[in-house]
Amino acid sequence: MPGTHLSATARVVLPTPNKYLDQLTDYFAEHGRVTKSGNAGCIELSFGRATVKADNQSLLFTAEGEDETGLAYMKYAIANHVLEFARNDNPKIVWVGDGAAGSIPPFFREMRVVSARNITPSMRRVTLRGRDLHRFERGGLHVHLLFPPACIDNPQWPVIGEDGRPVWPDGDFKLVSRVYTIRNIDAERGLVDIDIVLHDGTPGSAWALNADEGDLVGMTGPGGGDAGEADWYLLAGDDTAIPAIGRILERLPKHVKAVVRIEVDSPADEQPLPASCAVDLVWLHRRGSQPGTTTLLQDAVKAAELPHDRSGVFVWSGCEFAAFKAIRNYVRKDLKLRREQHLVVSYWRQGFEG
């Protein structure tokens, strides 16, 4: 990674290092560029890189990032998956080098509510203000919002643990975390817009409906969710994906084409999605059916006519779990698009709290 200048190392003692080396490289190959030779491997992700070497007793990691956030993400990703794969061995991870344990994560910002208003009957826009937001303009569309307990005036925020993972406040200070897309960002003014679908009973929608000027909320990010480079795009999603589709469309250059299919309840839930490229946009209306109970979206994806030459195609989709499975299966098995030509994700799951 050109320009990389921050790094940290960790030696992790494990009973079967080569087994875990294989598991890690196989996992990260689905999310980035991985090379492996013998007892060593290199993992390159959008925010950093890591090398790993296995000996008879341990794995030696060197994590690198082009800034504090990139390095912190890389350490977090490595530690999280080592501890997941080797949970029965309970390994100890201690990073040495850049990025201090006990400090506020470099990817965290404390934000205050500026305003909240409905932009459609089912979507509420909350505008937040914070400092030093330029890092949130790149590296992904998504953020985690951290909601403190309503009764706490001075919330506790996460700090970095020695293994690189955040240590979260508990008990009376426990935070609720949910993932959202930054719809608009003005880093110079320190403002972001977060559009939240108003599902009854979910923590995020309850917070959005009751948000008052000056309320505190935490924000971590950015990460994931963006579309790759292509000449022709298929963008598909339900209500929850509108902010991401809007961000992607605004960024696309004039010479490309975007076919867009979005499922909402009714025409009242449609909203303007500015773009400089050619756009074929169709809104799919549930007309009173519950979200996540129709096949409107997957049917529309399968009906879309792709270019004969698919080398310049990218398919992006964010939706409910059942639609996600159907669309991912279609993209991989029927369209046979390469891994780097699609991003299909589940934003929520019917019957589970969002």
Protein backbone atom coordinates (compact mmCIF):
# COMPACT_ATOMS: atom_id res chain seq x y z
CA MET A 1 0.00 0.00 0.00
CA PRO A 2 1.81 3.15 -1.18
CA GLY A 3 2.13 5.86 1.47
CA THR A 4 1.67 3.51 4.41
CA HIS A 5 3.52 4.90 7.42
CA LEU A 6 1.86 3.61 10.61
CA SER A 7 2.38 0.06 11.83
CA ALA A 8 2.04 -2.28 14.80
CA THR A 9 3.00 -5.88 15.50
CA ALA A 10 1.57 -8.70 17.59
CA ARG A 11 2.79 -12.23 18.23
CA VAL A 12 -0.10 -14.58 19.03
CA VAL A 13 0.70 -17.96 20.60
CA LEU A 14 -1.54 -20.72 19.21
CA PRO A 15 -1.41 -24.53 19.23
CA THR A 16 -1.90 -24.91 15.45
CA PRO A 17 -0.67 -21.70 13.81
CA ASN A 18 -0.82 -22.94 10.21
CA LYS A 19 -4.47 -23.95 10.58
CA TYR A 20 -5.38 -20.45 11.68
CA LEU A 21 -3.23 -18.91 8.96
CA ASP A 22 -5.30 -20.83 6.39
CA GLN A 23 -8.59 -19.81 8.01
CA LEU A 24 -7.63 -16.13 8.12
CA THR A 25 -6.39 -15.95 4.54
CA ASP A 26 -9.43 -17.86 3.25
CA TYR A 27 -11.77 -15.49 5.09
CA PHE A 28 -10.10 -12.26 4.02
CA ALA A 29 -9.87 -13.44 0.39
CA GLU A 30 -13.63 -12.75 0.26
CA HIS A 31 -13.08 -9.14 1.34
CA GLY A 32 -9.80 -8.01 -0.21
CA ARG A 33 -6.61 -9.09 -1.93
CA VAL A 34 -4.78 -11.99 -0.29
CA THR A 35 -1.54 -13.67 -1.26
CA LYS A 36 -0.13 -16.73 0.51
CA SER A 37 3.13 -18.60 0.14
CA GLY A 38 4.12 -21.39 2.49
CA ASN A 39 3.88 -20.23 6.09
CA ALA A 40 3.30 -16.56 5.26
CA GLY A 41 0.54 -14.42 3.88
CA CYS A 42 -0.36 -10.84 3.04
CA ILE A 43 -3.86 -9.37 3.49
CA GLU A 44 -4.72 -6.10 1.73
CA LEU A 45 -8.02 -4.40 2.53
CA SER A 46 -9.39 -1.00 1.56
CA PHE A 47 -8.07 0.60 4.76
CA GLY A 48 -4.72 -1.13 5.26
CA ARG A 49 -2.63 -4.27 4.97
CA ALA A 50 -1.23 -6.95 7.23
CA THR A 51 1.45 -9.59 6.85
CA VAL A 52 1.30 -12.79 8.86
CA LYS A 53 3.95 -15.47 9.40
CA ALA A 54 3.47 -18.82 11.11
CA ASP A 55 6.07 -20.71 13.10
CA ASN A 56 5.67 -23.78 15.28
CA GLN A 57 4.10 -21.91 18.17
CA SER A 58 2.62 -18.62 16.99
CA LEU A 59 1.45 -16.22 14.33
CA LEU A 60 3.38 -12.97 13.91
CA PHE A 61 1.27 -10.10 12.55
CA THR A 62 2.41 -6.75 11.21
CA ALA A 63 -0.50 -4.38 10.58
CA GLU A 64 -0.11 -1.20 8.54
CA GLY A 65 -2.33 1.75 7.67
CA GLU A 66 -1.96 5.02 5.83
CA ASP A 67 -3.48 6.90 8.79
CA GLU A 68 -4.57 6.27 12.39
CA THR A 69 -8.04 5.12 11.33
CA GLY A 70 -6.71 2.69 8.72
CA LEU A 71 -4.25 1.15 11.18
CA ALA A 72 -6.89 0.89 13.91
CA TYR A 73 -9.30 -0.83 11.52
CA MET A 74 -6.60 -3.29 10.44
CA LYS A 75 -5.68 -4.22 14.01
CA TYR A 76 -9.36 -4.55 14.88
CA ALA A 77 -10.09 -6.79 11.87
CA ILE A 78 -7.15 -9.10 12.53
CA ALA A 79 -7.83 -9.42 16.27
CA ASN A 80 -11.56 -9.92 15.82
CA HIS A 81 -11.14 -12.85 13.47
CA VAL A 82 -8.22 -14.47 15.27
CA LEU A 83 -10.31 -14.47 18.44
CA GLU A 84 -13.35 -15.76 16.53
CA PHE A 85 -11.53 -18.64 14.83
CA ALA A 86 -9.46 -19.54 17.90
CA ARG A 87 -12.10 -18.89 20.57
CA ASN A 88 -11.58 -22.33 22.14
CA ASP A 89 -7.84 -21.60 22.52
CA ASN A 90 -8.46 -18.15 24.06
CA PRO A 91 -5.31 -16.51 22.65
CA LYS A 92 -3.89 -13.28 24.04
CA ILE A 93 -3.29 -10.43 21.57
CA VAL A 94 -1.21 -7.38 22.47
CA TRP A 95 -0.27 -4.89 19.74
CA VAL A 96 3.04 -3.04 19.99
CA GLY A 97 3.78 0.10 17.95
CA ASP A 98 1.55 2.89 16.67
CA GLY A 99 -1.89 3.33 18.21
CA ALA A 100 -2.13 3.39 21.99
CA ALA A 101 -4.40 1.19 24.12
CA GLY A 102 -6.74 3.12 26.40
CA SER A 103 -7.25 6.00 23.98
CA ILE A 104 -10.47 7.02 22.21
CA PRO A 105 -10.59 5.16 18.85
CA PRO A 106 -9.40 7.37 15.96
CA PHE A 107 -12.54 6.32 14.06
CA PHE A 108 -14.84 7.70 16.81
CA ARG A 109 -16.51 11.12 16.88
CA GLU A 110 -18.86 12.65 19.42
CA MET A 111 -21.76 14.27 17.58
CA ARG A 112 -24.67 16.52 18.52
CA VAL A 113 -28.09 16.69 16.91
CA VAL A 114 -28.71 19.85 14.88
CA SER A 115 -32.17 19.00 13.55
CA ALA A 116 -34.53 16.16 12.68
CA ARG A 117 -37.30 16.13 10.07
CA ASN A 118 -39.23 13.69 7.89
CA ILE A 119 -38.28 13.76 4.22
CA THR A 120 -40.89 11.09 3.32
CA PRO A 121 -43.56 9.40 5.45
CA SER A 122 -41.17 6.54 6.18
CA MET A 123 -37.78 8.32 6.26
CA ARG A 124 -36.47 10.79 8.84
CA ARG A 125 -33.32 12.86 8.32
CA VAL A 126 -31.23 13.65 11.38
CA THR A 127 -28.50 16.26 10.91
CA LEU A 128 -25.50 15.90 13.21
CA ARG A 129 -22.58 18.21 13.94
CA GLY A 130 -19.06 17.14 14.95
CA ARG A 131 -15.39 17.97 14.58
CA ASP A 132 -12.71 16.69 12.20
CA LEU A 133 -15.01 14.82 9.80
CA HIS A 134 -12.80 14.80 6.68
CA ARG A 135 -11.88 11.13 7.22
CA PHE A 136 -15.57 10.26 6.86
CA GLU A 137 -15.63 11.52 3.26
CA ARG A 138 -13.70 8.45 2.04
CA GLY A 139 -13.24 4.80 2.84
CA GLY A 140 -16.89 3.73 2.91
CA LEU A 141 -20.48 4.92 3.12
CA HIS A 142 -21.50 3.45 6.46
CA VAL A 143 -21.12 4.49 10.08
CA HIS A 144 -22.20 3.09 13.43
CA LEU A 145 -24.32 5.41 15.54
CA LEU A 146 -23.87 4.81 19.27
CA PHE A 147 -26.97 5.71 21.29
CA PRO A 148 -26.33 6.39 25.00
CA PRO A 149 -29.01 5.69 27.64
CA ALA A 150 -31.61 8.47 27.69
CA CYS A 151 -31.05 9.09 31.40
CA ILE A 152 -27.27 9.70 31.05
CA ASP A 153 -26.11 13.30 30.58
CA ASN A 154 -22.40 12.44 30.26
CA PRO A 155 -22.12 9.17 28.33
CA GLN A 156 -19.05 6.96 28.39
CA TRP A 157 -17.56 6.18 24.97
CA PRO A 158 -15.43 3.21 23.85
CA VAL A 159 -11.64 3.09 24.23
CA ILE A 160 -9.09 0.94 22.41
CA GLY A 161 -8.09 -2.28 24.18
CA GLU A 162 -4.62 -3.82 24.04
CA ASP A 163 -5.86 -6.31 21.42
CA GLY A 164 -6.96 -3.45 19.13
CA ARG A 165 -10.67 -3.96 19.66
CA PRO A 166 -12.87 -1.32 21.30
CA VAL A 167 -13.71 -1.78 24.97
CA TRP A 168 -17.35 -0.83 25.40
CA PRO A 169 -18.97 0.75 28.46
CA ASP A 170 -21.36 -1.56 30.28
CA GLY A 171 -24.01 -1.43 32.96
CA ASP A 172 -25.77 1.91 33.29
CA PHE A 173 -23.56 3.35 30.51
CA LYS A 174 -24.15 0.60 27.93
CA LEU A 175 -24.50 1.92 24.37
CA VAL A 176 -26.82 0.71 21.61
CA SER A 177 -25.11 0.52 18.21
CA ARG A 178 -26.77 0.50 14.77
CA VAL A 179 -25.33 0.85 11.25
CA TYR A 180 -26.47 3.68 8.95
CA THR A 181 -25.34 5.42 5.78
CA ILE A 182 -24.11 9.00 5.69
CA ARG A 183 -26.50 10.53 3.15
CA ASN A 184 -24.76 13.92 2.96
CA ILE A 185 -21.52 15.19 4.47
CA ASP A 186 -20.08 18.70 4.67
CA ALA A 187 -16.79 18.21 6.46
CA GLU A 188 -15.87 21.89 6.31
CA ARG A 189 -19.00 22.78 8.30
CA GLY A 190 -18.82 19.61 10.40
CA LEU A 191 -22.24 18.34 9.32
CA VAL A 192 -23.61 14.95 8.31
CA ASP A 193 -27.13 13.85 7.40
CA ILE A 194 -28.28 10.40 8.47
CA ASP A 195 -31.52 9.13 6.91
CA ILE A 196 -33.31 6.57 9.09
CA VAL A 197 -36.24 4.37 8.06
CA LEU A 198 -39.03 4.62 10.60
CA HIS A 199 -39.64 0.97 11.52
CA ASP A 200 -41.82 0.81 14.64
CA GLY A 201 -40.02 -0.35 17.73
CA THR A 202 -36.41 -0.28 16.51
CA PRO A 203 -33.84 1.66 18.59
CA GLY A 204 -32.72 3.80 15.66
CA SER A 205 -36.18 4.88 14.58
CA ALA A 206 -37.20 5.58 18.18
CA TRP A 207 -34.10 7.74 18.61
CA ALA A 208 -34.71 9.58 15.32
CA LEU A 209 -38.33 10.34 16.24
CA ASN A 210 -37.31 11.77 19.61
CA ALA A 211 -34.02 13.47 18.65
CA ASP A 212 -33.77 17.03 19.96
CA GLU A 213 -31.27 19.75 19.15
CA GLY A 214 -28.15 19.28 21.26
CA ASP A 215 -28.63 15.57 21.98
CA LEU A 216 -25.37 13.59 22.09
CA VAL A 217 -24.68 10.51 19.96
CA GLY A 218 -21.46 8.68 19.13
CA MET A 219 -20.35 7.88 15.58
CA THR A 220 -17.70 5.43 14.37
CA GLY A 221 -16.56 4.83 10.82
CA PRO A 222 -16.44 5.05 7.94
CA GLY A 223 -16.64 1.59 6.43
CA GLY A 224 -17.90 -0.45 3.54
CA GLY A 225 -20.85 -0.33 1.25
CA ASP A 226 -19.52 1.49 -1.81
CA ALA A 227 -19.66 0.35 -5.43
CA GLY A 228 -16.59 -0.45 -7.51
CA GLU A 229 -15.53 1.09 -10.81
CA ALA A 230 -17.55 0.07 -13.87
CA ASP A 231 -19.19 1.34 -17.05
CA TRP A 232 -22.66 -0.05 -16.28
CA TYR A 233 -24.30 -0.38 -12.87
CA LEU A 234 -27.30 -2.20 -11.48
CA LEU A 235 -28.24 -0.66 -8.12
CA ALA A 236 -31.05 -2.37 -6.22
CA GLY A 237 -32.43 -1.99 -2.71
CA ASP A 238 -35.37 -1.41 -0.42
CA ASP A 239 -36.10 1.66 1.74
CA THR A 240 -33.00 1.06 3.89
CA ALA A 241 -30.70 1.25 0.87
CA ILE A 242 -31.94 4.60 -0.49
CA PRO A 243 -29.24 6.67 1.29
CA ALA A 244 -26.45 4.44 -0.06
CA ILE A 245 -27.90 4.36 -3.58
CA GLY A 246 -28.20 8.15 -3.45
CA ARG A 247 -24.55 8.54 -2.43
CA ILE A 248 -23.38 6.13 -5.13
CA LEU A 249 -25.41 7.84 -7.87
CA GLU A 250 -24.05 11.27 -6.95
CA ARG A 251 -20.49 10.00 -7.37
CA LEU A 252 -20.89 8.21 -10.72
CA PRO A 253 -19.23 9.94 -13.71
CA LYS A 254 -21.27 11.19 -16.67
CA HIS A 255 -20.18 8.50 -19.12
CA VAL A 256 -21.63 5.51 -17.21
CA LYS A 257 -25.17 4.15 -17.06
CA ALA A 258 -27.03 3.16 -13.91
CA VAL A 259 -30.10 0.92 -13.81
CA VAL A 260 -31.78 1.48 -10.44
CA ARG A 261 -34.58 -0.53 -8.84
CA ILE A 262 -35.87 0.53 -5.41
CA GLU A 263 -38.67 -1.05 -3.36
CA VAL A 264 -40.80 1.27 -1.20
CA ASP A 265 -44.36 1.19 0.05
CA SER A 266 -45.95 3.82 -2.19
CA PRO A 267 -45.21 6.83 -4.44
CA ALA A 268 -45.20 9.00 -1.31
CA ASP A 269 -41.96 7.28 -0.26
CA GLU A 270 -40.11 8.16 -3.46
CA GLN A 271 -37.49 10.90 -3.26
CA PRO A 272 -35.20 12.76 -5.69
CA LEU A 273 -31.89 11.00 -6.43
CA PRO A 274 -29.68 13.43 -8.36
CA ALA A 275 -27.08 12.03 -10.75
CA SER A 276 -24.95 13.29 -13.63
CA CYS A 277 -24.92 9.94 -15.45
CA ALA A 278 -27.73 8.30 -17.44
CA VAL A 279 -30.19 6.70 -15.00
CA ASP A 280 -32.98 4.17 -15.59
CA LEU A 281 -34.87 4.38 -12.27
CA VAL A 282 -37.96 2.33 -11.40
CA TRP A 283 -39.67 2.52 -8.01
CA LEU A 284 -41.28 -0.77 -6.93
CA HIS A 285 -44.37 -0.30 -4.73
CA ARG A 286 -45.35 -2.81 -2.02
CA ARG A 287 -48.78 -1.11 -1.73
CA GLY A 288 -49.35 -2.01 1.90
CA SER A 289 -47.49 -5.31 2.07
CA GLN A 290 -45.05 -5.54 4.96
CA PRO A 291 -41.37 -4.83 4.12
CA GLY A 292 -39.45 -8.03 3.52
CA THR A 293 -42.51 -10.08 2.50
CA THR A 294 -42.54 -9.57 -1.29
CA THR A 295 -40.27 -10.68 -4.14
CA LEU A 296 -40.51 -7.33 -5.94
CA LEU A 297 -36.82 -6.53 -5.67
CA GLN A 298 -35.31 -9.87 -6.65
CA ASP A 299 -37.79 -10.16 -9.52
CA ALA A 300 -36.78 -6.71 -10.78
CA VAL A 301 -33.08 -7.58 -10.55
CA LYS A 302 -33.60 -10.76 -12.55
CA ALA A 303 -35.64 -8.86 -15.15
CA ALA A 304 -32.97 -6.21 -15.72
CA GLU A 305 -31.26 -6.56 -19.09
CA LEU A 306 -27.48 -6.47 -18.69
CA PRO A 307 -25.03 -5.54 -21.45
CA HIS A 308 -23.89 -8.44 -23.63
CA ASP A 309 -20.31 -7.74 -22.59
CA ARG A 310 -20.37 -8.01 -18.79
CA SER A 311 -16.74 -7.13 -18.21
CA GLY A 312 -17.70 -3.54 -17.32
CA VAL A 313 -20.71 -4.41 -15.13
CA PHE A 314 -21.10 -3.84 -11.38
CA VAL A 315 -24.11 -5.00 -9.35
CA TRP A 316 -24.80 -3.39 -5.97
CA SER A 317 -27.68 -4.36 -3.70
CA GLY A 318 -28.72 -3.72 -0.10
CA CYS A 319 -31.94 -5.21 1.22
CA GLU A 320 -33.73 -7.66 3.53
CA PHE A 321 -32.07 -11.04 4.16
CA ALA A 322 -34.33 -13.20 1.97
CA ALA A 323 -33.99 -10.84 -1.00
CA PHE A 324 -30.24 -10.62 -0.35
CA LYS A 325 -29.85 -14.41 -0.60
CA ALA A 326 -31.85 -14.59 -3.83
CA ILE A 327 -29.99 -11.69 -5.47
CA ARG A 328 -26.54 -12.87 -4.40
CA ASN A 329 -27.26 -16.36 -5.70
CA TYR A 330 -28.46 -14.94 -9.03
CA VAL A 331 -25.46 -12.64 -9.40
CA ARG A 332 -22.92 -15.35 -8.61
CA LYS A 333 -24.44 -18.43 -10.22
CA ASP A 334 -26.54 -17.10 -13.10
CA LEU A 335 -24.68 -13.93 -14.08
CA LYS A 336 -21.34 -15.44 -13.03
CA LEU A 337 -19.92 -12.05 -12.10
CA ARG A 338 -16.48 -12.00 -10.51
CA ARG A 339 -16.14 -11.14 -6.81
CA GLU A 340 -14.91 -7.65 -7.62
CA GLN A 341 -17.96 -7.01 -9.83
CA HIS A 342 -20.63 -7.13 -7.17
CA LEU A 343 -21.52 -6.14 -3.63
CA VAL A 344 -24.75 -7.69 -2.36
CA VAL A 345 -25.47 -7.24 1.34
CA SER A 346 -28.24 -7.82 3.86
CA TYR A 347 -29.18 -4.63 5.69
CA TRP A 348 -31.82 -6.24 7.90
CA ARG A 349 -33.81 -9.42 8.51
CA GLN A 350 -37.54 -9.90 8.76
CA GLY A 351 -38.56 -10.74 12.33
CA PHE A 352 -35.31 -9.48 13.87
CA GLU A 353 -34.91 -6.14 15.66
CA GLY A 354 -33.20 -3.55 13.42
